[in-house]
């Protein structure tokens, strides 16, 4: 696994333990979440640009969800 933040590690542990739900369509979930961040005008433009770049790359990748 690539390096992830402690916050993300906590959520991984919650999913693994069954405390919160697992999303089977994870790529679609990630694209939707990143797109929401990209469209959130309350966030800094640099953050929005990073989210849009990541969402676009996932959208264009060869994935089966």
N, C-alpha and C. Protein backbone atom coordinates (compact mmCIF):
# COMPACT_ATOMS: atom_id res chain seq x y z
N UNK A 1 0.85 -1.18 0.00
CA UNK A 1 0.00 0.00 0.00
C UNK A 1 0.89 1.24 0.00
N UNK A 2 0.51 2.22 -0.75
CA UNK A 2 1.26 3.47 -0.77
C UNK A 2 1.07 4.20 0.55
N UNK A 3 1.92 5.16 0.79
CA UNK A 3 1.80 5.94 2.02
C UNK A 3 0.48 6.69 2.02
N UNK A 4 -0.22 6.59 3.13
CA UNK A 4 -1.49 7.30 3.29
C UNK A 4 -1.47 8.01 4.63
N UNK A 5 -2.31 9.00 4.77
CA UNK A 5 -2.36 9.79 6.00
C UNK A 5 -2.91 8.96 7.16
N UNK A 6 -2.62 9.42 8.34
CA UNK A 6 -3.16 8.75 9.53
C UNK A 6 -4.69 8.77 9.53
N UNK A 7 -5.28 9.84 9.02
CA UNK A 7 -6.73 9.92 8.94
C UNK A 7 -7.28 8.82 8.05
N UNK A 8 -6.66 8.63 6.89
CA UNK A 8 -7.10 7.57 5.98
C UNK A 8 -6.86 6.20 6.59
N UNK A 9 -5.74 6.02 7.28
CA UNK A 9 -5.48 4.74 7.95
C UNK A 9 -6.57 4.43 8.98
N UNK A 10 -7.04 5.46 9.69
CA UNK A 10 -8.11 5.25 10.67
C UNK A 10 -9.38 4.76 9.99
N UNK A 11 -9.70 5.34 8.83
CA UNK A 11 -10.90 4.93 8.11
C UNK A 11 -10.73 3.51 7.56
N UNK A 12 -9.53 3.17 7.08
CA UNK A 12 -9.25 1.80 6.63
C UNK A 12 -9.54 0.83 7.77
N UNK A 13 -9.04 1.15 8.95
CA UNK A 13 -9.27 0.29 10.11
C UNK A 13 -10.75 0.18 10.46
N UNK A 14 -11.50 1.27 10.33
CA UNK A 14 -12.94 1.25 10.60
C UNK A 14 -13.68 0.38 9.60
N UNK A 15 -13.29 0.45 8.34
CA UNK A 15 -13.92 -0.38 7.31
C UNK A 15 -13.57 -1.85 7.56
N UNK A 16 -12.29 -2.12 7.82
CA UNK A 16 -11.84 -3.49 8.04
C UNK A 16 -12.52 -4.13 9.25
N UNK A 17 -12.80 -3.33 10.27
CA UNK A 17 -13.42 -3.86 11.48
C UNK A 17 -14.94 -3.98 11.35
N UNK A 18 -15.49 -3.40 10.29
CA UNK A 18 -16.94 -3.44 10.10
C UNK A 18 -17.67 -2.31 10.78
N UNK A 19 -16.92 -1.35 11.36
CA UNK A 19 -17.55 -0.22 12.03
C UNK A 19 -18.27 0.70 11.05
N UNK A 20 -17.72 0.83 9.86
CA UNK A 20 -18.38 1.60 8.80
C UNK A 20 -18.42 0.76 7.54
N UNK A 21 -19.28 1.13 6.62
CA UNK A 21 -19.52 0.32 5.43
C UNK A 21 -18.43 0.40 4.39
N UNK A 22 -18.28 -0.69 3.67
CA UNK A 22 -17.37 -0.79 2.53
C UNK A 22 -18.15 -0.43 1.28
N UNK A 23 -17.54 0.32 0.37
CA UNK A 23 -18.16 0.70 -0.89
C UNK A 23 -17.56 -0.15 -2.00
N UNK A 24 -18.37 -1.01 -2.59
CA UNK A 24 -17.88 -1.91 -3.64
C UNK A 24 -17.47 -1.15 -4.89
N UNK A 25 -18.15 -0.10 -5.21
CA UNK A 25 -17.85 0.71 -6.40
C UNK A 25 -16.91 1.84 -6.00
N UNK A 26 -15.72 1.47 -5.56
CA UNK A 26 -14.82 2.43 -4.93
C UNK A 26 -14.27 3.48 -5.89
N UNK A 27 -14.02 3.13 -7.13
CA UNK A 27 -13.49 4.13 -8.07
C UNK A 27 -14.54 5.19 -8.35
N UNK A 28 -15.78 4.76 -8.56
CA UNK A 28 -16.86 5.74 -8.77
C UNK A 28 -17.00 6.63 -7.54
N UNK A 29 -16.90 6.04 -6.35
CA UNK A 29 -16.98 6.80 -5.11
C UNK A 29 -15.86 7.84 -5.05
N UNK A 30 -14.64 7.43 -5.41
CA UNK A 30 -13.50 8.35 -5.39
C UNK A 30 -13.67 9.48 -6.39
N UNK A 31 -14.10 9.16 -7.59
CA UNK A 31 -14.31 10.19 -8.62
C UNK A 31 -15.36 11.18 -8.16
N UNK A 32 -16.46 10.69 -7.63
CA UNK A 32 -17.54 11.56 -7.16
C UNK A 32 -17.06 12.47 -6.03
N UNK A 33 -16.33 11.89 -5.09
CA UNK A 33 -15.82 12.67 -3.96
C UNK A 33 -14.82 13.73 -4.42
N UNK A 34 -13.90 13.34 -5.28
CA UNK A 34 -12.93 14.30 -5.80
C UNK A 34 -13.60 15.40 -6.61
N UNK A 35 -14.63 15.05 -7.37
CA UNK A 35 -15.36 16.04 -8.14
C UNK A 35 -16.10 17.01 -7.22
N UNK A 36 -16.65 16.49 -6.14
CA UNK A 36 -17.30 17.36 -5.15
C UNK A 36 -16.30 18.36 -4.57
N UNK A 37 -15.10 17.88 -4.26
CA UNK A 37 -14.05 18.76 -3.74
C UNK A 37 -13.67 19.79 -4.80
N UNK A 38 -13.53 19.37 -6.04
CA UNK A 38 -13.16 20.28 -7.12
C UNK A 38 -14.19 21.38 -7.32
N UNK A 39 -15.45 21.09 -7.01
CA UNK A 39 -16.51 22.07 -7.20
C UNK A 39 -16.83 22.89 -5.96
N UNK A 40 -16.14 22.62 -4.85
CA UNK A 40 -16.41 23.32 -3.58
C UNK A 40 -15.68 24.65 -3.55
N UNK A 41 -16.40 25.72 -3.81
CA UNK A 41 -15.80 27.05 -3.89
C UNK A 41 -15.30 27.58 -2.55
N UNK A 42 -15.62 26.90 -1.45
CA UNK A 42 -15.12 27.33 -0.15
C UNK A 42 -13.68 26.87 0.09
N UNK A 43 -13.18 25.97 -0.76
CA UNK A 43 -11.82 25.45 -0.63
C UNK A 43 -10.85 26.26 -1.48
N UNK A 44 -9.57 26.24 -1.11
CA UNK A 44 -8.57 26.95 -1.92
C UNK A 44 -8.50 26.37 -3.34
N UNK A 45 -8.22 27.23 -4.30
CA UNK A 45 -8.17 26.81 -5.70
C UNK A 45 -7.13 25.71 -5.92
N UNK A 46 -6.01 25.77 -5.22
CA UNK A 46 -4.97 24.73 -5.39
C UNK A 46 -5.50 23.36 -5.00
N UNK A 47 -6.28 23.29 -3.94
CA UNK A 47 -6.87 22.02 -3.51
C UNK A 47 -7.88 21.54 -4.54
N UNK A 48 -8.69 22.46 -5.03
CA UNK A 48 -9.70 22.12 -6.04
C UNK A 48 -9.04 21.61 -7.32
N UNK A 49 -7.93 22.23 -7.71
CA UNK A 49 -7.22 21.81 -8.92
C UNK A 49 -6.65 20.41 -8.76
N UNK A 50 -6.08 20.11 -7.58
CA UNK A 50 -5.54 18.77 -7.32
C UNK A 50 -6.65 17.72 -7.39
N UNK A 51 -7.79 18.04 -6.80
CA UNK A 51 -8.91 17.10 -6.81
C UNK A 51 -9.41 16.88 -8.23
N UNK A 52 -9.51 17.94 -9.01
CA UNK A 52 -9.98 17.82 -10.40
C UNK A 52 -9.00 16.99 -11.22
N UNK A 53 -7.70 17.18 -11.01
CA UNK A 53 -6.69 16.41 -11.73
C UNK A 53 -6.80 14.93 -11.40
N UNK A 54 -6.95 14.62 -10.12
CA UNK A 54 -7.07 13.22 -9.70
C UNK A 54 -8.36 12.61 -10.24
N UNK A 55 -9.47 13.34 -10.17
CA UNK A 55 -10.75 12.83 -10.66
C UNK A 55 -10.68 12.57 -12.16
N UNK A 56 -10.08 13.49 -12.89
CA UNK A 56 -9.98 13.33 -14.35
C UNK A 56 -9.13 12.11 -14.71
N UNK A 57 -8.02 11.92 -14.01
CA UNK A 57 -7.17 10.76 -14.28
C UNK A 57 -7.88 9.45 -13.97
N UNK A 58 -8.61 9.40 -12.86
CA UNK A 58 -9.38 8.20 -12.55
C UNK A 58 -10.46 7.97 -13.60
N UNK A 59 -11.12 9.03 -14.00
CA UNK A 59 -12.19 8.93 -14.99
C UNK A 59 -11.66 8.37 -16.31
N UNK A 60 -10.48 8.78 -16.70
CA UNK A 60 -9.90 8.36 -17.97
C UNK A 60 -9.15 7.04 -17.90
N UNK A 61 -8.91 6.56 -16.70
CA UNK A 61 -8.16 5.30 -16.56
C UNK A 61 -9.00 4.12 -17.03
N UNK A 62 -8.32 3.05 -17.32
CA UNK A 62 -8.99 1.81 -17.72
C UNK A 62 -9.39 1.05 -16.47
N UNK A 63 -10.54 1.37 -15.95
CA UNK A 63 -10.98 0.69 -14.72
C UNK A 63 -12.32 0.01 -14.94
N UNK A 64 -12.50 -1.03 -14.21
CA UNK A 64 -13.77 -1.74 -14.18
C UNK A 64 -14.28 -1.60 -12.76
N UNK A 65 -15.38 -0.94 -12.60
CA UNK A 65 -15.92 -0.75 -11.25
C UNK A 65 -17.12 -1.61 -11.01
